Amino acid sequence: MIDDLRTTKKNPEDPNDPFPQAEEIVNASSDSEAGGNFLGMSAGQRFVIVILLFVLTCILGSFGLILTEKVVLPFF
């Protein structure tokens, strides 16, 4: 076991290593935060989703107001 210490230290990417290196833990946490991928989407994709939700909310809200006759369209 003691003879094998040098070889295990030279090979830090051992898949059987139960204790990952501290640098690997820091890199893994900073990669997920720095990437900005929320739900696997980029910033542009999230922006498009938000715009579509906003337009859908406006359309459904307008339809609800017309349906309940709180707002009357001028051409009816």
PDB file of N, CA and C in Angstrom:
ATOM      1  N   MET A   1       0.806  -1.187   0.000  1.00  0.00           N
ATOM      2  CA  MET A   1       0.000   0.000   0.000  1.00  0.00           C
ATOM      3  C   MET A   1       0.855   1.259   0.000  1.00  0.00           C
ATOM      4  N   ILE A   2       1.870   1.312   0.820  1.00  0.00           N
ATOM      5  CA  ILE A   2       2.729   2.488   0.882  1.00  0.00           C
ATOM      6  C   ILE A   2       3.565   2.587  -0.391  1.00  0.00           C
ATOM      7  N   ASP A   3       3.964   1.468  -0.982  1.00  0.00           N
ATOM      8  CA  ASP A   3       4.743   1.488  -2.210  1.00  0.00           C
ATOM      9  C   ASP A   3       3.934   2.084  -3.363  1.00  0.00           C
ATOM     10  N   ASP A   4       2.656   1.988  -3.301  1.00  0.00           N
ATOM     11  CA  ASP A   4       1.787   2.415  -4.391  1.00  0.00           C
ATOM     12  C   ASP A   4       1.404   3.897  -4.307  1.00  0.00           C
ATOM     13  N   LEU A   5       1.854   4.615  -3.299  1.00  0.00           N
ATOM     14  CA  LEU A   5       1.466   6.006  -3.122  1.00  0.00           C
ATOM     15  C   LEU A   5       1.949   6.896  -4.263  1.00  0.00           C
ATOM     16  N   ARG A   6       3.184   6.691  -4.722  1.00  0.00           N
ATOM     17  CA  ARG A   6       3.723   7.530  -5.793  1.00  0.00           C
ATOM     18  C   ARG A   6       2.946   7.349  -7.092  1.00  0.00           C
ATOM     19  N   THR A   7       2.583   6.122  -7.408  1.00  0.00           N
ATOM     20  CA  THR A   7       1.856   5.908  -8.655  1.00  0.00           C
ATOM     21  C   THR A   7       0.441   6.459  -8.574  1.00  0.00           C
ATOM     22  N   THR A   8      -0.177   6.393  -7.418  1.00  0.00           N
ATOM     23  CA  THR A   8      -1.523   6.959  -7.306  1.00  0.00           C
ATOM     24  C   THR A   8      -1.483   8.477  -7.348  1.00  0.00           C
ATOM     25  N   LYS A   9      -0.433   9.081  -6.852  1.00  0.00           N
ATOM     26  CA  LYS A   9      -0.312  10.534  -6.888  1.00  0.00           C
ATOM     27  C   LYS A   9      -0.016  11.014  -8.310  1.00  0.00           C
ATOM     28  N   LYS A  10       0.685  10.227  -9.108  1.00  0.00           N
ATOM     29  CA  LYS A  10       0.991  10.610 -10.484  1.00  0.00           C
ATOM     30  C   LYS A  10      -0.230  10.476 -11.385  1.00  0.00           C
ATOM     31  N   ASN A  11      -1.171   9.627 -11.019  1.00  0.00           N
ATOM     32  CA  ASN A  11      -2.357   9.400 -11.827  1.00  0.00           C
ATOM     33  C   ASN A  11      -3.584   9.956 -11.083  1.00  0.00           C
ATOM     34  N   PRO A  12      -3.823  11.284 -11.133  1.00  0.00           N
ATOM     35  CA  PRO A  12      -4.938  11.850 -10.364  1.00  0.00           C
ATOM     36  C   PRO A  12      -6.309  11.555 -10.973  1.00  0.00           C
ATOM     37  N   GLU A  13      -6.358  11.106 -12.208  1.00  0.00           N
ATOM     38  CA  GLU A  13      -7.631  10.849 -12.869  1.00  0.00           C
ATOM     39  C   GLU A  13      -8.061   9.394 -12.742  1.00  0.00           C
ATOM     40  N   ASP A  14      -7.739   8.777 -11.641  1.00  0.00           N
ATOM     41  CA  ASP A  14      -8.107   7.390 -11.406  1.00  0.00           C
ATOM     42  C   ASP A  14      -9.614   7.315 -11.137  1.00  0.00           C
ATOM     43  N   PRO A  15     -10.373   6.576 -11.943  1.00  0.00           N
ATOM     44  CA  PRO A  15     -11.830   6.511 -11.732  1.00  0.00           C
ATOM     45  C   PRO A  15     -12.217   5.805 -10.443  1.00  0.00           C
ATOM     46  N   ASN A  16     -11.315   5.006  -9.885  1.00  0.00           N
ATOM     47  CA  ASN A  16     -11.615   4.289  -8.648  1.00  0.00           C
ATOM     48  C   ASN A  16     -11.241   5.085  -7.409  1.00  0.00           C
ATOM     49  N   ASP A  17     -10.805   6.317  -7.570  1.00  0.00           N
ATOM     50  CA  ASP A  17     -10.389   7.144  -6.451  1.00  0.00           C
ATOM     51  C   ASP A  17     -11.623   7.630  -5.691  1.00  0.00           C
ATOM     52  N   PRO A  18     -11.800   7.234  -4.427  1.00  0.00           N
ATOM     53  CA  PRO A  18     -13.000   7.654  -3.682  1.00  0.00           C
ATOM     54  C   PRO A  18     -12.957   9.109  -3.249  1.00  0.00           C
ATOM     55  N   PHE A  19     -11.763   9.717  -3.245  1.00  0.00           N
ATOM     56  CA  PHE A  19     -11.620  11.104  -2.814  1.00  0.00           C
ATOM     57  C   PHE A  19     -11.096  11.950  -3.964  1.00  0.00           C
ATOM     58  N   PRO A  20     -11.947  12.740  -4.601  1.00  0.00           N
ATOM     59  CA  PRO A  20     -11.460  13.583  -5.694  1.00  0.00           C
ATOM     60  C   PRO A  20     -10.562  14.691  -5.161  1.00  0.00           C
ATOM     61  N   GLN A  21      -9.709  15.172  -6.013  1.00  0.00           N
ATOM     62  CA  GLN A  21      -8.792  16.240  -5.631  1.00  0.00           C
ATOM     63  C   GLN A  21      -9.575  17.518  -5.357  1.00  0.00           C
ATOM     64  N   ALA A  22      -9.028  18.368  -4.505  1.00  0.00           N
ATOM     65  CA  ALA A  22      -9.710  19.618  -4.151  1.00  0.00           C
ATOM     66  C   ALA A  22      -9.869  20.513  -5.378  1.00  0.00           C
ATOM     67  N   GLU A  23      -8.893  20.509  -6.283  1.00  0.00           N
ATOM     68  CA  GLU A  23      -8.982  21.334  -7.484  1.00  0.00           C
ATOM     69  C   GLU A  23     -10.133  20.883  -8.375  1.00  0.00           C
ATOM     70  N   GLU A  24     -10.394  19.579  -8.426  1.00  0.00           N
ATOM     71  CA  GLU A  24     -11.495  19.068  -9.241  1.00  0.00           C
ATOM     72  C   GLU A  24     -12.832  19.525  -8.678  1.00  0.00           C
ATOM     73  N   ILE A  25     -12.947  19.575  -7.366  1.00  0.00           N
ATOM     74  CA  ILE A  25     -14.194  20.012  -6.747  1.00  0.00           C
ATOM     75  C   ILE A  25     -14.423  21.490  -7.027  1.00  0.00           C
ATOM     76  N   VAL A  26     -13.394  22.303  -6.897  1.00  0.00           N
ATOM     77  CA  VAL A  26     -13.520  23.742  -7.158  1.00  0.00           C
ATOM     78  C   VAL A  26     -13.853  23.987  -8.614  1.00  0.00           C
ATOM     79  N   ASN A  27     -13.207  23.294  -9.522  1.00  0.00           N
ATOM     80  CA  ASN A  27     -13.466  23.483 -10.949  1.00  0.00           C
ATOM     81  C   ASN A  27     -14.873  23.050 -11.317  1.00  0.00           C
ATOM     82  N   ALA A  28     -15.365  21.988 -10.714  1.00  0.00           N
ATOM     83  CA  ALA A  28     -16.699  21.506 -11.037  1.00  0.00           C
ATOM     84  C   ALA A  28     -17.758  22.504 -10.590  1.00  0.00           C
ATOM     85  N   SER A  29     -17.590  23.107  -9.420  1.00  0.00           N
ATOM     86  CA  SER A  29     -18.595  24.060  -8.945  1.00  0.00           C
ATOM     87  C   SER A  29     -18.518  25.363  -9.716  1.00  0.00           C
ATOM     88  N   SER A  30     -17.329  25.820 -10.080  1.00  0.00           N
ATOM     89  CA  SER A  30     -17.233  27.089 -10.803  1.00  0.00           C
ATOM     90  C   SER A  30     -17.664  26.941 -12.255  1.00  0.00           C
ATOM     91  N   ASP A  31     -17.518  25.760 -12.851  1.00  0.00           N
ATOM     92  CA  ASP A  31     -17.959  25.560 -14.228  1.00  0.00           C
ATOM     93  C   ASP A  31     -19.465  25.657 -14.347  1.00  0.00           C
ATOM     94  N   SER A  32     -20.196  25.094 -13.385  1.00  0.00           N
ATOM     95  CA  SER A  32     -21.647  25.127 -13.469  1.00  0.00           C
ATOM     96  C   SER A  32     -22.175  26.537 -13.232  1.00  0.00           C
ATOM     97  N   GLU A  33     -21.504  27.320 -12.379  1.00  0.00           N
ATOM     98  CA  GLU A  33     -21.957  28.682 -12.125  1.00  0.00           C
ATOM     99  C   GLU A  33     -21.534  29.620 -13.248  1.00  0.00           C
ATOM    100  N   ALA A  34     -20.350  29.454 -13.777  1.00  0.00           N
ATOM    101  CA  ALA A  34     -19.846  30.366 -14.791  1.00  0.00           C
ATOM    102  C   ALA A  34     -20.509  30.136 -16.143  1.00  0.00           C
ATOM    103  N   GLY A  35     -20.966  28.915 -16.404  1.00  0.00           N
ATOM    104  CA  GLY A  35     -21.576  28.626 -17.690  1.00  0.00           C
ATOM    105  C   GLY A  35     -22.909  29.310 -17.887  1.00  0.00           C
ATOM    106  N   GLY A  36     -23.657  29.510 -16.839  1.00  0.00           N
ATOM    107  CA  GLY A  36     -24.943  30.171 -16.933  1.00  0.00           C
ATOM    108  C   GLY A  36     -25.993  29.340 -17.634  1.00  0.00           C
ATOM    109  N   ASN A  37     -25.873  28.047 -17.585  1.00  0.00           N
ATOM    110  CA  ASN A  37     -26.856  27.179 -18.230  1.00  0.00           C
ATOM    111  C   ASN A  37     -27.897  26.749 -17.219  1.00  0.00           C
ATOM    112  N   PHE A  38     -28.998  27.476 -17.192  1.00  0.00           N
ATOM    113  CA  PHE A  38     -30.111  27.118 -16.328  1.00  0.00           C
ATOM    114  C   PHE A  38     -31.033  26.215 -17.118  1.00  0.00           C
ATOM    115  N   LEU A  39     -31.270  25.028 -16.636  1.00  0.00           N
ATOM    116  CA  LEU A  39     -32.068  24.001 -17.317  1.00  0.00           C
ATOM    117  C   LEU A  39     -31.484  23.626 -18.675  1.00  0.00           C
ATOM    118  N   GLY A  40     -30.193  23.777 -18.818  1.00  0.00           N
ATOM    119  CA  GLY A  40     -29.529  23.385 -20.054  1.00  0.00           C
ATOM    120  C   GLY A  40     -29.741  24.351 -21.211  1.00  0.00           C
ATOM    121  N   MET A  41     -30.178  25.574 -20.927  1.00  0.00           N
ATOM    122  CA  MET A  41     -30.421  26.549 -21.990  1.00  0.00           C
ATOM    123  C   MET A  41     -29.420  27.686 -21.892  1.00  0.00           C
ATOM    124  N   SER A  42     -29.098  28.245 -23.027  1.00  0.00           N
ATOM    125  CA  SER A  42     -28.217  29.402 -23.044  1.00  0.00           C
ATOM    126  C   SER A  42     -29.031  30.655 -22.733  1.00  0.00           C
ATOM    127  N   ALA A  43     -28.364  31.795 -22.626  1.00  0.00           N
ATOM    128  CA  ALA A  43     -29.047  33.045 -22.298  1.00  0.00           C
ATOM    129  C   ALA A  43     -30.037  33.436 -23.396  1.00  0.00           C
ATOM    130  N   GLY A  44     -29.677  33.249 -24.639  1.00  0.00           N
ATOM    131  CA  GLY A  44     -30.576  33.584 -25.742  1.00  0.00           C
ATOM    132  C   GLY A  44     -31.832  32.735 -25.753  1.00  0.00           C
ATOM    133  N   GLN A  45     -31.679  31.464 -25.462  1.00  0.00           N
ATOM    134  CA  GLN A  45     -32.830  30.570 -25.430  1.00  0.00           C
ATOM    135  C   GLN A  45     -33.763  30.918 -24.275  1.00  0.00           C
ATOM    136  N   ARG A  46     -33.192  31.255 -23.118  1.00  0.00           N
ATOM    137  CA  ARG A  46     -34.023  31.668 -21.988  1.00  0.00           C
ATOM    138  C   ARG A  46     -34.759  32.960 -22.305  1.00  0.00           C
ATOM    139  N   PHE A  47     -34.105  33.892 -23.002  1.00  0.00           N
ATOM    140  CA  PHE A  47     -34.738  35.151 -23.372  1.00  0.00           C
ATOM    141  C   PHE A  47     -35.935  34.911 -24.283  1.00  0.00           C
ATOM    142  N   VAL A  48     -35.792  34.028 -25.257  1.00  0.00           N
ATOM    143  CA  VAL A  48     -36.894  33.729 -26.167  1.00  0.00           C
ATOM    144  C   VAL A  48     -38.060  33.103 -25.405  1.00  0.00           C
ATOM    145  N   ILE A  49     -37.779  32.204 -24.477  1.00  0.00           N
ATOM    146  CA  ILE A  49     -38.828  31.578 -23.677  1.00  0.00           C
ATOM    147  C   ILE A  49     -39.563  32.629 -22.847  1.00  0.00           C
ATOM    148  N   VAL A  50     -38.832  33.559 -22.244  1.00  0.00           N
ATOM    149  CA  VAL A  50     -39.452  34.596 -21.428  1.00  0.00           C
ATOM    150  C   VAL A  50     -40.326  35.502 -22.290  1.00  0.00           C
ATOM    151  N   ILE A  51     -39.855  35.872 -23.479  1.00  0.00           N
ATOM    152  CA  ILE A  51     -40.651  36.717 -24.375  1.00  0.00           C
ATOM    153  C   ILE A  51     -41.925  35.986 -24.799  1.00  0.00           C
ATOM    154  N   LEU A  52     -41.816  34.714 -25.128  1.00  0.00           N
ATOM    155  CA  LEU A  52     -42.999  33.952 -25.516  1.00  0.00           C
ATOM    156  C   LEU A  52     -44.004  33.841 -24.366  1.00  0.00           C
ATOM    157  N   LEU A  53     -43.509  33.631 -23.153  1.00  0.00           N
ATOM    158  CA  LEU A  53     -44.414  33.584 -21.996  1.00  0.00           C
ATOM    159  C   LEU A  53     -45.089  34.927 -21.760  1.00  0.00           C
ATOM    160  N   PHE A  54     -44.363  36.019 -21.951  1.00  0.00           N
ATOM    161  CA  PHE A  54     -44.931  37.348 -21.783  1.00  0.00           C
ATOM    162  C   PHE A  54     -46.033  37.613 -22.814  1.00  0.00           C
ATOM    163  N   VAL A  55     -45.767  37.277 -24.069  1.00  0.00           N
ATOM    164  CA  VAL A  55     -46.767  37.483 -25.126  1.00  0.00           C
ATOM    165  C   VAL A  55     -47.991  36.608 -24.876  1.00  0.00           C
ATOM    166  N   LEU A  56     -47.779  35.378 -24.474  1.00  0.00           N
ATOM    167  CA  LEU A  56     -48.887  34.479 -24.182  1.00  0.00           C
ATOM    168  C   LEU A  56     -49.738  35.006 -23.029  1.00  0.00           C
ATOM    169  N   THR A  57     -49.079  35.541 -21.996  1.00  0.00           N
ATOM    170  CA  THR A  57     -49.806  36.116 -20.873  1.00  0.00           C
ATOM    171  C   THR A  57     -50.628  37.327 -21.304  1.00  0.00           C
ATOM    172  N   CYS A  58     -50.057  38.171 -22.143  1.00  0.00           N
ATOM    173  CA  CYS A  58     -50.792  39.346 -22.630  1.00  0.00           C
ATOM    174  C   CYS A  58     -52.003  38.932 -23.462  1.00  0.00           C
ATOM    175  N   ILE A  59     -51.829  37.969 -24.327  1.00  0.00           N
ATOM    176  CA  ILE A  59     -52.936  37.525 -25.185  1.00  0.00           C
ATOM    177  C   ILE A  59     -54.042  36.873 -24.355  1.00  0.00           C
ATOM    178  N   LEU A  60     -53.667  35.984 -23.445  1.00  0.00           N
ATOM    179  CA  LEU A  60     -54.674  35.317 -22.616  1.00  0.00           C
ATOM    180  C   LEU A  60     -55.365  36.297 -21.672  1.00  0.00           C
ATOM    181  N   GLY A  61     -54.628  37.257 -21.144  1.00  0.00           N
ATOM    182  CA  GLY A  61     -55.230  38.268 -20.283  1.00  0.00           C
ATOM    183  C   GLY A  61     -56.214  39.130 -21.045  1.00  0.00           C
ATOM    184  N   SER A  62     -55.842  39.531 -22.257  1.00  0.00           N
ATOM    185  CA  SER A  62     -56.760  40.329 -23.088  1.00  0.00           C
ATOM    186  C   SER A  62     -58.000  39.526 -23.439  1.00  0.00           C
ATOM    187  N   PHE A  63     -57.813  38.273 -23.785  1.00  0.00           N
ATOM    188  CA  PHE A  63     -58.950  37.418 -24.115  1.00  0.00           C
ATOM    189  C   PHE A  63     -59.879  37.256 -22.910  1.00  0.00           C
ATOM    190  N   GLY A  64     -59.287  37.110 -21.723  1.00  0.00           N
ATOM    191  CA  GLY A  64     -60.101  36.986 -20.519  1.00  0.00           C
ATOM    192  C   GLY A  64     -60.899  38.250 -20.237  1.00  0.00           C
ATOM    193  N   LEU A  65     -60.297  39.415 -20.438  1.00  0.00           N
ATOM    194  CA  LEU A  65     -61.017  40.670 -20.230  1.00  0.00           C
ATOM    195  C   LEU A  65     -62.154  40.837 -21.239  1.00  0.00           C
ATOM    196  N   ILE A  66     -61.912  40.463 -22.475  1.00  0.00           N
ATOM    197  CA  ILE A  66     -62.965  40.558 -23.499  1.00  0.00           C
ATOM    198  C   ILE A  66     -64.074  39.554 -23.199  1.00  0.00           C
ATOM    199  N   LEU A  67     -63.711  38.366 -22.768  1.00  0.00           N
ATOM    200  CA  LEU A  67     -64.684  37.315 -22.484  1.00  0.00           C
ATOM    201  C   LEU A  67     -65.597  37.688 -21.321  1.00  0.00           C
ATOM    202  N   THR A  68     -65.040  38.315 -20.296  1.00  0.00           N
ATOM    203  CA  THR A  68     -65.846  38.717 -19.143  1.00  0.00           C
ATOM    204  C   THR A  68     -66.503  40.085 -19.338  1.00  0.00           C
ATOM    205  N   GLU A  69     -66.321  40.683 -20.512  1.00  0.00           N
ATOM    206  CA  GLU A  69     -66.902  41.968 -20.909  1.00  0.00           C
ATOM    207  C   GLU A  69     -66.459  43.121 -19.997  1.00  0.00           C
ATOM    208  N   LYS A  70     -65.250  43.037 -19.481  1.00  0.00           N
ATOM    209  CA  LYS A  70     -64.660  44.164 -18.742  1.00  0.00           C
ATOM    210  C   LYS A  70     -64.103  45.187 -19.725  1.00  0.00           C
ATOM    211  N   VAL A  71     -63.754  44.732 -20.903  1.00  0.00           N
ATOM    212  CA  VAL A  71     -63.264  45.592 -21.975  1.00  0.00           C
ATOM    213  C   VAL A  71     -64.091  45.245 -23.207  1.00  0.00           C
ATOM    214  N   VAL A  72     -64.541  46.274 -23.909  1.00  0.00           N
ATOM    215  CA  VAL A  72     -65.349  46.061 -25.096  1.00  0.00           C
ATOM    216  C   VAL A  72     -64.545  46.559 -26.284  1.00  0.00           C
ATOM    217  N   LEU A  73     -64.451  45.735 -27.299  1.00  0.00           N
ATOM    218  CA  LEU A  73     -63.740  46.137 -28.505  1.00  0.00           C
ATOM    219  C   LEU A  73     -64.573  47.197 -29.245  1.00  0.00           C
ATOM    220  N   PRO A  74     -63.944  48.192 -29.844  1.00  0.00           N
ATOM    221  CA  PRO A  74     -64.692  49.302 -30.445  1.00  0.00           C
ATOM    222  C   PRO A  74     -65.490  48.912 -31.678  1.00  0.00           C
ATOM    223  N   PHE A  75     -65.158  47.838 -32.343  1.00  0.00           N
ATOM    224  CA  PHE A  75     -65.864  47.499 -33.577  1.00  0.00           C
ATOM    225  C   PHE A  75     -66.988  46.495 -33.364  1.00  0.00           C
ATOM    226  N   PHE A  76     -67.371  46.222 -32.123  1.00  0.00           N
ATOM    227  CA  PHE A  76     -68.506  45.328 -31.878  1.00  0.00           C
ATOM    228  C   PHE A  76     -69.715  46.133 -31.471  1.00  0.00           C
TER     229      PHE A  76
END
